[in-house]
Amino acid sequence: MGIKKLPDYRLKQKVLYIDNTDAETLKKYGDLFLEAGNISDALDFYNKAKYFDGIENIKKMSFDSGDVMIFERAMKIMSKEPSPDQWENIGQKAISLKKYYFAKYALEKTGKQEEVNSLLKIMKEGNKNN
């Protein structure tokens, strides 16, 4: 099956949840969505295909971009719970990218309230400057 374009919402739902789509086709759709920057959709297709290399790739990409929610979702799909160190590392990455709400979510998972408080001060200062 030569897949060349992204499916619309209806076709996506059909491929993912109604049809008995084979893993290779699901992976190809996942690749297309990833190329288009639709990481969440790519994760849906990779998950359905049980394509763990793709899920691992998305986990790494989400870490690099400080996207805490996609990171957590990828970990959950792989039946893993992020360690406090992983939460802290992605939280710090999110701070460096000025993704403060993602950072706050991650740092709260570490249980280190002093780091959360420091971040809240940064966020408050940023709101004063806007």
Protein backbone atom coordinates (compact mmCIF):
# COMPACT_ATOMS: atom_id res chain seq x y z
CA MET A 1 0.00 0.00 0.00
CA GLY A 2 1.61 3.23 -1.17
CA ILE A 3 0.60 5.80 1.41
CA LYS A 4 1.45 9.30 0.25
CA LYS A 5 -0.80 11.66 2.19
CA LEU A 6 -2.15 12.04 5.66
CA PRO A 7 -5.63 10.72 6.29
CA ASP A 8 -8.37 13.07 7.39
CA TYR A 9 -9.95 12.58 10.81
CA ARG A 10 -12.52 10.01 9.64
CA LEU A 11 -10.03 7.88 7.75
CA LYS A 12 -7.60 8.09 10.65
CA GLN A 13 -10.26 6.79 13.05
CA LYS A 14 -11.21 4.05 10.58
CA VAL A 15 -7.62 2.91 10.11
CA LEU A 16 -6.83 3.01 13.82
CA TYR A 17 -10.00 1.67 15.39
CA ILE A 18 -12.38 0.08 12.88
CA ASP A 19 -10.37 -1.70 10.20
CA ASN A 20 -8.05 -4.54 11.04
CA THR A 21 -5.08 -2.59 9.64
CA ASP A 22 -1.77 -4.44 9.45
CA ALA A 23 1.20 -3.24 11.50
CA GLU A 24 3.28 -2.19 8.48
CA THR A 25 0.53 0.12 7.20
CA LEU A 26 0.07 1.58 10.68
CA LYS A 27 3.82 2.19 10.90
CA LYS A 28 3.81 3.94 7.50
CA TYR A 29 1.00 6.23 8.63
CA GLY A 30 2.94 6.89 11.82
CA ASP A 31 6.00 7.82 9.76
CA LEU A 32 3.90 10.20 7.63
CA PHE A 33 2.44 11.90 10.68
CA LEU A 34 5.89 12.19 12.24
CA GLU A 35 7.31 13.74 9.06
CA ALA A 36 4.44 16.25 9.12
CA GLY A 37 5.21 17.14 12.73
CA ASN A 38 2.03 15.54 14.10
CA ILE A 39 3.79 13.72 16.90
CA SER A 40 0.70 12.80 18.89
CA ASP A 41 -0.91 11.17 15.86
CA ALA A 42 2.33 9.38 15.00
CA LEU A 43 2.39 8.02 18.54
CA ASP A 44 -1.18 6.72 18.11
CA PHE A 45 -0.21 4.80 14.98
CA TYR A 46 3.07 3.48 16.39
CA ASN A 47 1.26 2.34 19.51
CA LYS A 48 -1.39 0.48 17.51
CA ALA A 49 1.37 -1.10 15.36
CA LYS A 50 3.38 -2.00 18.49
CA TYR A 51 6.32 -0.26 16.79
CA PHE A 52 8.49 0.34 19.82
CA ASP A 53 11.47 1.80 17.92
CA GLY A 54 9.16 4.57 16.71
CA ILE A 55 7.77 5.11 20.20
CA GLU A 56 11.30 5.28 21.61
CA ASN A 57 12.23 7.81 18.91
CA ILE A 58 9.24 9.96 19.85
CA LYS A 59 10.20 9.70 23.51
CA LYS A 60 13.67 11.04 22.68
CA MET A 61 12.24 13.78 20.46
CA SER A 62 9.82 14.86 23.16
CA PHE A 63 12.64 15.02 25.69
CA ASP A 64 14.74 17.16 23.35
CA SER A 65 11.83 19.52 22.75
CA GLY A 66 10.79 19.63 26.41
CA ASP A 67 7.34 18.22 25.60
CA VAL A 68 6.56 16.65 28.95
CA MET A 69 3.10 15.39 27.98
CA ILE A 70 4.24 13.44 24.91
CA PHE A 71 7.23 12.15 26.91
CA GLU A 72 4.94 10.86 29.65
CA ARG A 73 2.56 9.33 27.12
CA ALA A 74 5.37 7.52 25.28
CA MET A 75 6.69 6.18 28.57
CA LYS A 76 3.23 4.96 29.54
CA ILE A 77 2.81 3.18 26.19
CA MET A 78 6.10 1.41 26.86
CA SER A 79 4.77 0.44 30.33
CA LYS A 80 7.46 2.52 32.02
CA GLU A 81 7.20 5.10 34.77
CA PRO A 82 9.65 8.01 34.48
CA SER A 83 12.11 8.12 37.35
CA PRO A 84 12.49 11.26 39.47
CA ASP A 85 15.78 11.93 37.65
CA GLN A 86 14.07 11.69 34.26
CA TRP A 87 11.34 14.08 35.45
CA GLU A 88 13.96 16.51 36.71
CA ASN A 89 15.99 16.28 33.50
CA ILE A 90 13.03 16.92 31.21
CA GLY A 91 11.85 19.66 33.57
CA GLN A 92 15.21 21.40 33.30
CA LYS A 93 15.14 20.96 29.53
CA ALA A 94 11.67 22.56 29.42
CA ILE A 95 12.94 25.47 31.54
CA SER A 96 15.85 26.01 29.15
CA LEU A 97 13.30 26.21 26.33
CA LYS A 98 11.05 28.52 28.37
CA LYS A 99 8.27 25.93 28.43
CA TYR A 100 7.46 26.75 32.01
CA TYR A 101 4.12 24.97 32.37
CA PHE A 102 5.64 21.74 31.07
CA ALA A 103 8.58 22.29 33.41
CA LYS A 104 6.27 22.86 36.37
CA TYR A 105 4.40 19.63 35.65
CA ALA A 106 7.65 17.66 35.43
CA LEU A 107 9.24 19.22 38.51
CA GLU A 108 6.12 18.57 40.57
CA LYS A 109 6.60 14.88 39.75
CA THR A 110 10.06 14.97 41.39
CA GLY A 111 8.64 16.00 44.75
CA LYS A 112 11.30 18.73 45.04
CA GLN A 113 9.14 21.62 46.13
CA GLU A 114 12.06 24.08 46.28
CA GLU A 115 12.65 23.62 42.54
CA VAL A 116 8.95 24.12 41.84
CA ASN A 117 8.97 27.28 43.97
CA SER A 118 11.99 28.63 42.06
CA LEU A 119 10.21 28.00 38.80
CA LEU A 120 7.05 29.68 40.05
CA LYS A 121 9.13 32.80 40.79
CA ILE A 122 10.50 32.74 37.24
CA MET A 123 6.98 32.37 35.87
CA LYS A 124 5.68 35.20 38.04
CA GLU A 125 8.51 37.51 36.92
CA GLY A 126 7.78 36.62 33.30
CA ASN A 127 4.13 37.57 33.74
CA LYS A 128 5.12 40.96 35.21
CA ASN A 129 7.18 41.69 32.09
CA ASN A 130 4.32 40.95 29.71
